[in-house]
Amino acid sequence: MKNLGVLISFLMLISWPVSAHESSEHDGLMIETAWAPHTGRRTASAAVYLTIKNSSNTADALIDIKTDRAASAMLHVSKEVGTIMQMEHVARLPLPAHTSVSLTPGGHHIMLMRLTKPLKRGEIFPLNLTFEQQGDVTILVEITGIGGPEHN
C-alpha cells in the first residue's frame, strides 16, 4: 500500500492527473471516482465509469480518450433495443455549463478494447480525456471489484 501512495504522488508531480479516489477541479471541470471492474485473464475489453461536473459558464464536450492499457478507447452508450442490450459508439459527450454527467453501468461508459493486459483489482492506470474547450486532462482509474469502489 505504501508503494501505491508513492506511485500516485509521483504521477501527480509529472502529469497532474486526477486521482481515482478524489475529485479535482481543472478550470471548472471536476472528474470524480474513475473506476473500472477487474477482468479475467482472457478478457479483451473493459469499461470505465466516472462522473464529470462542469461548474463553468462554458459548455464543453468529451471528444477523445486514450490509455496505454488498451489498443483503443472510446465513448459508448448502452441502449435496450427490444429485449436486447446494445452498445453504440458516441463521438462526443456534451457537457453543458453547470451540469454533471455520470458514466455508469447500463448507460454512457468508456470502452477499452484490446486490453494490453488484464485489469487487476487494486491497480491503477492513467486515462487521458480530451475535451473540446479544456483540452487534455489525465486521470487515474482505480481497478475495483465488479460493483465498483463501494463494493471493494
C-alpha atoms as a PDB file:
ATOM      1  CA  MET A   1       0.000   0.000   0.000  1.00  0.00           C
ATOM      2  CA  LYS A   2       2.920   2.300   0.752  1.00  0.00           C
ATOM      3  CA  ASN A   3       4.233   1.846  -2.816  1.00  0.00           C
ATOM      4  CA  LEU A   4       0.804   2.742  -4.241  1.00  0.00           C
ATOM      5  CA  GLY A   5       0.905   6.072  -2.396  1.00  0.00           C
ATOM      6  CA  VAL A   6       4.399   6.793  -3.704  1.00  0.00           C
ATOM      7  CA  LEU A   7       3.299   5.964  -7.277  1.00  0.00           C
ATOM      8  CA  ILE A   8       0.258   8.254  -7.038  1.00  0.00           C
ATOM      9  CA  SER A   9       2.399  11.096  -5.656  1.00  0.00           C
ATOM     10  CA  PHE A  10       4.963  10.634  -8.447  1.00  0.00           C
ATOM     11  CA  LEU A  11       2.308  10.612 -11.164  1.00  0.00           C
ATOM     12  CA  MET A  12       0.757  13.763  -9.714  1.00  0.00           C
ATOM     13  CA  LEU A  13       4.105  15.515  -9.922  1.00  0.00           C
ATOM     14  CA  ILE A  14       4.838  14.579 -13.520  1.00  0.00           C
ATOM     15  CA  SER A  15       1.428  14.899 -15.170  1.00  0.00           C
ATOM     16  CA  TRP A  16      -1.048  16.466 -12.731  1.00  0.00           C
ATOM     17  CA  PRO A  17      -3.631  13.679 -13.034  1.00  0.00           C
ATOM     18  CA  VAL A  18      -6.883  13.478 -11.142  1.00  0.00           C
ATOM     19  CA  SER A  19      -6.751  10.662  -8.576  1.00  0.00           C
ATOM     20  CA  ALA A  20      -9.289   7.852  -8.838  1.00  0.00           C
ATOM     21  CA  HIS A  21     -10.249   8.285  -5.167  1.00  0.00           C
ATOM     22  CA  GLU A  22     -10.504  12.050  -5.155  1.00  0.00           C
ATOM     23  CA  SER A  23     -12.105  14.732  -7.177  1.00  0.00           C
ATOM     24  CA  SER A  24     -10.085  17.553  -8.592  1.00  0.00           C
ATOM     25  CA  GLU A  25     -11.165  20.652 -10.423  1.00  0.00           C
ATOM     26  CA  HIS A  26      -9.407  21.779 -13.581  1.00  0.00           C
ATOM     27  CA  ASP A  27     -10.724  25.136 -14.836  1.00  0.00           C
ATOM     28  CA  GLY A  28     -14.336  24.320 -13.990  1.00  0.00           C
ATOM     29  CA  LEU A  29     -14.269  20.602 -14.867  1.00  0.00           C
ATOM     30  CA  MET A  30     -14.313  18.198 -11.945  1.00  0.00           C
ATOM     31  CA  ILE A  31     -13.805  14.482 -12.548  1.00  0.00           C
ATOM     32  CA  GLU A  32     -14.783  12.149  -9.740  1.00  0.00           C
ATOM     33  CA  THR A  33     -14.396   8.482  -8.850  1.00  0.00           C
ATOM     34  CA  ALA A  34     -12.969   6.943 -12.010  1.00  0.00           C
ATOM     35  CA  TRP A  35     -13.139   3.150 -11.806  1.00  0.00           C
ATOM     36  CA  ALA A  36     -13.091   0.013 -13.913  1.00  0.00           C
ATOM     37  CA  PRO A  37     -14.052  -3.504 -12.832  1.00  0.00           C
ATOM     38  CA  HIS A  38     -11.306  -6.117 -12.804  1.00  0.00           C
ATOM     39  CA  THR A  39     -11.166  -8.543 -15.724  1.00  0.00           C
ATOM     40  CA  GLY A  40     -10.276 -12.170 -16.283  1.00  0.00           C
ATOM     41  CA  ARG A  41      -7.053 -13.312 -17.925  1.00  0.00           C
ATOM     42  CA  ARG A  42      -8.690 -13.777 -21.320  1.00  0.00           C
ATOM     43  CA  THR A  43     -10.938 -10.717 -21.310  1.00  0.00           C
ATOM     44  CA  ALA A  44     -10.198  -8.406 -24.234  1.00  0.00           C
ATOM     45  CA  SER A  45     -12.324  -5.386 -23.257  1.00  0.00           C
ATOM     46  CA  ALA A  46     -13.451  -3.456 -20.193  1.00  0.00           C
ATOM     47  CA  ALA A  47     -15.499  -0.414 -19.243  1.00  0.00           C
ATOM     48  CA  VAL A  48     -14.527   2.704 -17.277  1.00  0.00           C
ATOM     49  CA  TYR A  49     -17.024   4.734 -15.259  1.00  0.00           C
ATOM     50  CA  LEU A  50     -16.733   8.231 -13.765  1.00  0.00           C
ATOM     51  CA  THR A  51     -18.573  11.492 -13.159  1.00  0.00           C
ATOM     52  CA  ILE A  52     -17.737  14.789 -14.882  1.00  0.00           C
ATOM     53  CA  LYS A  53     -19.022  18.038 -13.389  1.00  0.00           C
ATOM     54  CA  ASN A  54     -18.840  21.216 -15.424  1.00  0.00           C
ATOM     55  CA  SER A  55     -19.155  24.109 -12.967  1.00  0.00           C
ATOM     56  CA  SER A  56     -18.015  26.694 -15.501  1.00  0.00           C
ATOM     57  CA  ASN A  57     -20.163  29.119 -17.500  1.00  0.00           C
ATOM     58  CA  THR A  58     -18.977  27.490 -20.749  1.00  0.00           C
ATOM     59  CA  ALA A  59     -20.259  24.297 -22.337  1.00  0.00           C
ATOM     60  CA  ASP A  60     -17.653  21.672 -23.164  1.00  0.00           C
ATOM     61  CA  ALA A  61     -17.631  18.122 -24.532  1.00  0.00           C
ATOM     62  CA  LEU A  62     -15.598  14.951 -24.094  1.00  0.00           C
ATOM     63  CA  ILE A  63     -14.249  14.193 -27.581  1.00  0.00           C
ATOM     64  CA  ASP A  64     -11.391  11.688 -27.222  1.00  0.00           C
ATOM     65  CA  ILE A  65      -9.972   9.113 -24.821  1.00  0.00           C
ATOM     66  CA  LYS A  66      -6.566   7.424 -24.763  1.00  0.00           C
ATOM     67  CA  THR A  67      -4.745   4.968 -22.496  1.00  0.00           C
ATOM     68  CA  ASP A  68      -1.764   2.657 -22.748  1.00  0.00           C
ATOM     69  CA  ARG A  69      -3.877  -0.135 -21.186  1.00  0.00           C
ATOM     70  CA  ALA A  70      -5.839  -0.752 -24.417  1.00  0.00           C
ATOM     71  CA  ALA A  71      -5.359  -0.570 -28.174  1.00  0.00           C
ATOM     72  CA  SER A  72      -8.348   1.769 -28.343  1.00  0.00           C
ATOM     73  CA  ALA A  73     -10.690   3.606 -26.008  1.00  0.00           C
ATOM     74  CA  MET A  74     -13.971   5.230 -26.961  1.00  0.00           C
ATOM     75  CA  LEU A  75     -17.190   6.516 -25.550  1.00  0.00           C
ATOM     76  CA  HIS A  76     -20.187   4.165 -25.764  1.00  0.00           C
ATOM     77  CA  VAL A  77     -23.774   4.185 -24.621  1.00  0.00           C
ATOM     78  CA  SER A  78     -25.788   1.085 -23.747  1.00  0.00           C
ATOM     79  CA  LYS A  79     -29.343   1.003 -25.086  1.00  0.00           C
ATOM     80  CA  GLU A  80     -32.107  -1.545 -24.795  1.00  0.00           C
ATOM     81  CA  VAL A  81     -33.477  -2.447 -28.233  1.00  0.00           C
ATOM     82  CA  GLY A  82     -36.471  -4.693 -27.736  1.00  0.00           C
ATOM     83  CA  THR A  83     -35.197  -7.197 -25.198  1.00  0.00           C
ATOM     84  CA  ILE A  84     -31.527  -6.917 -26.176  1.00  0.00           C
ATOM     85  CA  MET A  85     -28.929  -4.533 -24.733  1.00  0.00           C
ATOM     86  CA  GLN A  86     -26.732  -2.994 -27.421  1.00  0.00           C
ATOM     87  CA  MET A  87     -23.780  -0.607 -27.314  1.00  0.00           C
ATOM     88  CA  GLU A  88     -23.331   2.300 -29.683  1.00  0.00           C
ATOM     89  CA  HIS A  89     -20.245   4.429 -30.243  1.00  0.00           C
ATOM     90  CA  VAL A  90     -20.754   8.090 -29.274  1.00  0.00           C
ATOM     91  CA  ALA A  91     -18.471  10.620 -30.986  1.00  0.00           C
ATOM     92  CA  ARG A  92     -18.777  13.297 -28.286  1.00  0.00           C
ATOM     93  CA  LEU A  93     -20.350  13.681 -24.870  1.00  0.00           C
ATOM     94  CA  PRO A  94     -21.825  17.172 -24.385  1.00  0.00           C
ATOM     95  CA  LEU A  95     -21.138  18.813 -21.027  1.00  0.00           C
ATOM     96  CA  PRO A  96     -23.432  21.842 -20.734  1.00  0.00           C
ATOM     97  CA  ALA A  97     -22.396  24.590 -18.320  1.00  0.00           C
ATOM     98  CA  HIS A  98     -23.329  23.940 -14.681  1.00  0.00           C
ATOM     99  CA  THR A  99     -24.223  20.268 -15.175  1.00  0.00           C
ATOM    100  CA  SER A 100     -22.985  16.867 -14.101  1.00  0.00           C
ATOM    101  CA  VAL A 101     -22.746  13.807 -16.360  1.00  0.00           C
ATOM    102  CA  SER A 102     -22.195  10.328 -14.921  1.00  0.00           C
ATOM    103  CA  LEU A 103     -20.799   7.435 -16.918  1.00  0.00           C
ATOM    104  CA  THR A 104     -22.404   4.395 -15.274  1.00  0.00           C
ATOM    105  CA  PRO A 105     -23.073   0.706 -15.945  1.00  0.00           C
ATOM    106  CA  GLY A 106     -26.031   0.440 -18.316  1.00  0.00           C
ATOM    107  CA  GLY A 107     -25.560   3.975 -19.675  1.00  0.00           C
ATOM    108  CA  HIS A 108     -22.690   6.015 -21.067  1.00  0.00           C
ATOM    109  CA  HIS A 109     -19.269   4.499 -20.401  1.00  0.00           C
ATOM    110  CA  ILE A 110     -15.741   4.428 -21.753  1.00  0.00           C
ATOM    111  CA  MET A 111     -14.995   1.181 -23.554  1.00  0.00           C
ATOM    112  CA  LEU A 112     -11.414  -0.108 -23.564  1.00  0.00           C
ATOM    113  CA  MET A 113     -10.846  -2.561 -26.417  1.00  0.00           C
ATOM    114  CA  ARG A 114      -7.998  -4.997 -26.926  1.00  0.00           C
ATOM    115  CA  LEU A 115      -6.568  -4.633 -23.419  1.00  0.00           C
ATOM    116  CA  THR A 116      -2.779  -4.806 -23.260  1.00  0.00           C
ATOM    117  CA  LYS A 117      -3.099  -6.918 -20.091  1.00  0.00           C
ATOM    118  CA  PRO A 118      -5.905  -7.887 -17.712  1.00  0.00           C
ATOM    119  CA  LEU A 119      -7.188  -5.284 -15.262  1.00  0.00           C
ATOM    120  CA  LYS A 120      -6.181  -6.498 -11.804  1.00  0.00           C
ATOM    121  CA  ARG A 121      -8.104  -5.365  -8.725  1.00  0.00           C
ATOM    122  CA  GLY A 122      -6.171  -2.811  -6.676  1.00  0.00           C
ATOM    123  CA  GLU A 123      -4.119  -1.457  -9.572  1.00  0.00           C
ATOM    124  CA  ILE A 124      -4.496   1.998 -11.094  1.00  0.00           C
ATOM    125  CA  PHE A 125      -3.818   3.260 -14.596  1.00  0.00           C
ATOM    126  CA  PRO A 126      -3.788   6.660 -16.317  1.00  0.00           C
ATOM    127  CA  LEU A 127      -6.512   7.652 -18.760  1.00  0.00           C
ATOM    128  CA  ASN A 128      -6.292  10.780 -20.909  1.00  0.00           C
ATOM    129  CA  LEU A 129      -9.561  12.601 -21.576  1.00  0.00           C
ATOM    130  CA  THR A 130      -9.655  15.259 -24.298  1.00  0.00           C
ATOM    131  CA  PHE A 131     -12.277  17.993 -24.057  1.00  0.00           C
ATOM    132  CA  GLU A 132     -13.234  20.455 -26.818  1.00  0.00           C
ATOM    133  CA  GLN A 133     -12.606  23.549 -24.684  1.00  0.00           C
ATOM    134  CA  GLN A 134     -10.455  22.306 -21.818  1.00  0.00           C
ATOM    135  CA  GLY A 135      -8.036  20.154 -23.797  1.00  0.00           C
ATOM    136  CA  ASP A 136      -6.304  17.152 -22.251  1.00  0.00           C
ATOM    137  CA  VAL A 137      -6.858  16.048 -18.662  1.00  0.00           C
ATOM    138  CA  THR A 138      -5.122  12.946 -17.312  1.00  0.00           C
ATOM    139  CA  ILE A 139      -6.912  11.000 -14.588  1.00  0.00           C
ATOM    140  CA  LEU A 140      -6.158   7.832 -12.649  1.00  0.00           C
ATOM    141  CA  VAL A 141      -8.587   4.913 -12.876  1.00  0.00           C
ATOM    142  CA  GLU A 142      -8.902   2.505  -9.953  1.00  0.00           C
ATOM    143  CA  ILE A 143      -9.453  -1.149 -10.837  1.00  0.00           C
ATOM    144  CA  THR A 144     -12.105  -2.456  -8.448  1.00  0.00           C
ATOM    145  CA  GLY A 145     -14.480  -5.344  -7.970  1.00  0.00           C
ATOM    146  CA  ILE A 146     -17.404  -5.736 -10.338  1.00  0.00           C
ATOM    147  CA  GLY A 147     -19.676  -3.479  -8.218  1.00  0.00           C
ATOM    148  CA  GLY A 148     -17.314  -0.517  -8.124  1.00  0.00           C
ATOM    149  CA  PRO A 149     -15.308   1.204  -5.368  1.00  0.00           C
ATOM    150  CA  GLU A 150     -18.053   0.952  -2.749  1.00  0.00           C
ATOM    151  CA  HIS A 151     -18.065  -2.859  -3.096  1.00  0.00           C
ATOM    152  CA  ASN A 152     -14.309  -3.465  -2.831  1.00  0.00           C
END
